[in-house]
């Protein structure tokens, strides 16, 4: 009788050990599955972010022509710049209002005598590319297009009294300035240029 009881206890212990082992294996499988799902989700998020970032990085406008359109000698009311550009073939279409520009200049470059005692005092004009058109258009028509498509050439005339007449940069002869083109959620392009003495309409600012 004792031998049978001892055998039952051994069998009970073995059964308990087997159940515990099965539970451990099941728990390990669940943990491994959750960990794999988390890694997969993190990888997909990383891939999505990389794709979005790549699209943004590729959306850099390539400026083909950058010229002086008009030089106002009495202020900046009619100061205008002309740009011809295109987007790389790898980029997505971009709404024209998502493409911005800002012209940065030093007030002491176009005032005589200097207005401030500080060596460099930054002023700027800014706007968007809503007025841009394809090359068959006027380069100053807000209603012409709504977005820029990769590989297509566009042009635009930038009015330096923008925004809404509050732009402060005044182009004059013998001055340097910087034009910054910004893609929303993307990258920027900087064009440093110089307006020499005697510059007239059509002067190449990329030279």
Protein backbone atom coordinates (compact mmCIF):
# COMPACT_ATOMS: atom_id res chain seq x y z
CA UNK A 1 0.00 0.00 0.00
CA UNK A 2 2.83 2.40 0.91
CA UNK A 3 4.53 1.57 -2.40
CA UNK A 4 1.38 2.48 -4.34
CA UNK A 5 1.03 5.76 -2.36
CA UNK A 6 4.68 6.60 -3.00
CA UNK A 7 4.18 5.98 -6.74
CA UNK A 8 1.11 8.27 -6.75
CA UNK A 9 3.11 11.08 -5.14
CA UNK A 10 5.88 10.69 -7.73
CA UNK A 11 3.30 10.74 -10.51
CA UNK A 12 1.65 13.84 -9.00
CA UNK A 13 5.02 15.60 -8.77
CA UNK A 14 5.84 14.69 -12.38
CA UNK A 15 2.44 15.92 -13.55
CA UNK A 16 2.87 19.21 -11.68
CA UNK A 17 6.34 19.66 -13.17
CA UNK A 18 4.96 18.97 -16.65
CA UNK A 19 2.12 21.48 -16.19
CA UNK A 20 4.58 24.09 -14.92
CA UNK A 21 6.83 23.47 -17.91
CA UNK A 22 3.90 23.84 -20.32
CA UNK A 23 2.89 27.12 -18.64
CA UNK A 24 6.47 28.42 -18.87
CA UNK A 25 6.63 27.51 -22.56
CA UNK A 26 3.27 29.17 -23.24
CA UNK A 27 4.31 32.31 -21.34
CA UNK A 28 7.62 32.41 -23.22
CA UNK A 29 5.79 32.08 -26.54
CA UNK A 30 3.43 34.94 -25.61
CA UNK A 31 6.33 37.18 -24.54
CA UNK A 32 8.24 36.34 -27.72
CA UNK A 33 5.16 37.12 -29.84
CA UNK A 34 4.58 40.47 -28.12
CA UNK A 35 8.27 41.37 -28.45
CA UNK A 36 8.23 40.45 -32.14
CA UNK A 37 5.11 42.55 -32.70
CA UNK A 38 6.70 45.54 -30.94
CA UNK A 39 9.87 45.22 -33.01
CA UNK A 40 7.83 44.94 -36.22
CA UNK A 41 5.75 48.00 -35.30
CA UNK A 42 8.86 50.02 -34.46
CA UNK A 43 10.43 48.97 -37.76
CA UNK A 44 7.31 50.00 -39.71
CA UNK A 45 7.20 53.38 -37.97
CA UNK A 46 10.87 53.90 -38.68
CA UNK A 47 10.35 52.94 -42.30
CA UNK A 48 7.39 55.33 -42.63
CA UNK A 49 9.37 58.17 -41.06
CA UNK A 50 12.31 57.43 -43.33
CA UNK A 51 10.04 57.49 -46.38
CA UNK A 52 8.43 60.77 -45.31
CA UNK A 53 11.82 62.29 -44.56
CA UNK A 54 13.20 61.07 -47.89
CA UNK A 55 10.27 62.66 -49.73
CA UNK A 56 10.84 65.92 -47.87
CA UNK A 57 14.58 65.86 -48.48
CA UNK A 58 14.01 65.24 -52.18
CA UNK A 59 11.62 68.20 -52.38
CA UNK A 60 14.39 70.75 -52.87
CA UNK A 61 13.71 73.26 -55.66
CA UNK A 62 16.41 73.48 -58.30
CA UNK A 63 16.82 77.14 -59.28
CA UNK A 64 17.65 77.46 -62.96
CA UNK A 65 17.41 81.24 -63.40
CA UNK A 66 17.70 83.99 -60.79
CA UNK A 67 17.54 87.52 -62.17
CA UNK A 68 16.81 91.11 -61.27
CA UNK A 69 13.32 91.83 -62.60
CA UNK A 70 13.04 95.47 -61.55
CA UNK A 71 15.03 97.88 -59.37
CA UNK A 72 13.10 100.69 -57.70
CA UNK A 73 15.42 103.63 -56.99
CA UNK A 74 12.95 105.37 -54.65
CA UNK A 75 12.05 102.49 -52.30
CA UNK A 76 11.06 98.85 -52.50
CA UNK A 77 7.53 99.25 -53.91
CA UNK A 78 8.62 97.98 -57.32
CA UNK A 79 11.70 95.98 -56.36
CA UNK A 80 11.19 92.57 -57.94
CA UNK A 81 13.18 89.37 -58.47
CA UNK A 82 12.63 86.70 -61.13
CA UNK A 83 13.14 82.97 -60.52
CA UNK A 84 12.79 79.95 -62.79
CA UNK A 85 12.86 76.60 -61.00
CA UNK A 86 11.78 72.97 -61.01
CA UNK A 87 11.41 70.15 -58.49
CA UNK A 88 13.40 66.90 -58.68
CA UNK A 89 11.75 63.87 -60.29
CA UNK A 90 11.88 62.00 -56.95
CA UNK A 91 9.73 64.51 -55.08
CA UNK A 92 5.98 64.49 -54.60
CA UNK A 93 3.73 67.28 -55.83
CA UNK A 94 3.82 70.28 -53.49
CA UNK A 95 1.01 72.86 -52.97
CA UNK A 96 2.25 76.23 -54.18
CA UNK A 97 1.47 77.85 -50.83
CA UNK A 98 3.72 75.30 -49.06
CA UNK A 99 6.72 76.82 -50.80
CA UNK A 100 7.87 80.04 -49.09
CA UNK A 101 10.58 82.62 -49.63
CA UNK A 102 12.32 85.14 -47.42
CA UNK A 103 14.79 87.82 -48.47
CA UNK A 104 17.26 88.83 -45.77
CA UNK A 105 19.22 92.05 -46.02
CA UNK A 106 21.14 94.52 -43.87
CA UNK A 107 19.49 97.92 -43.42
CA UNK A 108 22.90 99.60 -43.40
CA UNK A 109 23.55 98.32 -46.93
CA UNK A 110 20.92 100.60 -48.43
CA UNK A 111 20.81 103.64 -46.12
CA UNK A 112 23.30 106.50 -46.29
CA UNK A 113 24.20 107.48 -43.66
CA UNK A 114 23.51 104.20 -41.77
CA UNK A 115 20.27 104.24 -39.79
CA UNK A 116 21.70 102.34 -36.86
CA UNK A 117 25.00 102.28 -35.03
CA UNK A 118 24.90 98.48 -34.93
CA UNK A 119 27.16 96.92 -37.55
CA UNK A 120 24.52 94.51 -38.87
CA UNK A 121 20.77 95.03 -38.56
CA UNK A 122 18.70 92.35 -40.31
CA UNK A 123 15.54 93.21 -42.21
CA UNK A 124 13.49 90.98 -44.44
CA UNK A 125 10.68 90.60 -46.95
CA UNK A 126 8.77 87.32 -47.35
CA UNK A 127 5.98 85.54 -49.17
CA UNK A 128 4.97 82.29 -50.86
CA UNK A 129 5.02 80.94 -54.40
CA UNK A 130 1.27 81.18 -54.97
CA UNK A 131 1.82 83.53 -57.93
CA UNK A 132 4.10 81.07 -59.77
CA UNK A 133 3.01 79.69 -63.15
CA UNK A 134 4.38 77.26 -65.70
CA UNK A 135 6.56 78.81 -68.39
CA UNK A 136 3.57 79.61 -70.58
CA UNK A 137 2.13 81.85 -67.85
CA UNK A 138 2.98 85.32 -66.60
CA UNK A 139 4.94 84.27 -63.47
CA UNK A 140 2.59 86.39 -61.34
CA UNK A 141 -0.85 84.77 -61.38
CA UNK A 142 -2.24 83.45 -58.09
CA UNK A 143 -4.96 81.43 -59.82
CA UNK A 144 -2.78 79.76 -62.45
CA UNK A 145 -1.81 76.56 -60.60
CA UNK A 146 -2.34 75.00 -57.17
CA UNK A 147 0.68 72.71 -56.91
CA UNK A 148 4.14 72.08 -58.29
CA UNK A 149 4.69 68.77 -60.09
CA UNK A 150 8.09 67.11 -60.23
CA UNK A 151 10.17 67.67 -63.35
CA UNK A 152 8.11 70.65 -64.57
CA UNK A 153 9.63 74.10 -64.99
CA UNK A 154 7.95 77.05 -63.29
CA UNK A 155 8.73 80.73 -62.86
CA UNK A 156 7.68 83.42 -60.44
CA UNK A 157 8.25 87.12 -59.82
CA UNK A 158 8.88 87.97 -56.17
CA UNK A 159 7.58 91.33 -55.00
CA UNK A 160 9.85 92.65 -52.25
CA UNK A 161 7.14 94.80 -50.66
CA UNK A 162 5.56 91.53 -49.49
CA UNK A 163 4.03 90.53 -47.17
CA UNK A 164 1.11 92.87 -47.83
CA UNK A 165 3.28 95.94 -48.29
CA UNK A 166 5.16 95.33 -45.05
CA UNK A 167 8.35 93.92 -46.60
CA UNK A 168 11.37 95.93 -45.55
CA UNK A 169 14.21 94.88 -47.87
CA UNK A 170 15.03 97.59 -50.38
CA UNK A 171 17.26 96.60 -53.28
CA UNK A 172 19.89 99.16 -54.26
CA UNK A 173 23.08 99.05 -56.24
CA UNK A 174 26.21 97.74 -54.54
CA UNK A 175 24.48 95.61 -51.94
CA UNK A 176 24.46 91.93 -50.94
CA UNK A 177 21.49 89.91 -49.69
CA UNK A 178 20.32 86.33 -49.22
CA UNK A 179 17.19 84.72 -50.63
CA UNK A 180 15.95 81.66 -48.72
CA UNK A 181 13.45 79.24 -50.29
CA UNK A 182 11.64 77.03 -47.80
CA UNK A 183 9.62 73.87 -48.41
CA UNK A 184 7.11 73.29 -45.60
CA UNK A 185 8.23 70.21 -43.60
CA UNK A 186 11.18 69.96 -45.95
CA UNK A 187 14.47 71.64 -46.62
CA UNK A 188 15.67 75.12 -47.46
CA UNK A 189 17.74 76.55 -50.27
CA UNK A 190 19.85 79.68 -49.81
CA UNK A 191 20.89 81.97 -52.65
CA UNK A 192 23.46 84.60 -51.75
CA UNK A 193 23.62 87.35 -54.34
CA UNK A 194 25.08 90.77 -55.04
CA UNK A 195 23.53 93.72 -56.91
CA UNK A 196 26.38 95.66 -58.54
CA UNK A 197 26.44 99.26 -59.69
CA UNK A 198 24.63 99.68 -62.99
CA UNK A 199 22.52 96.50 -62.61
CA UNK A 200 19.40 96.58 -64.75
CA UNK A 201 16.44 94.33 -65.56
CA UNK A 202 17.60 90.84 -66.51
CA UNK A 203 20.87 91.02 -64.58
CA UNK A 204 21.94 87.47 -63.66
CA UNK A 205 22.12 87.27 -59.86
CA UNK A 206 23.67 83.79 -60.00
CA UNK A 207 26.80 85.04 -61.72
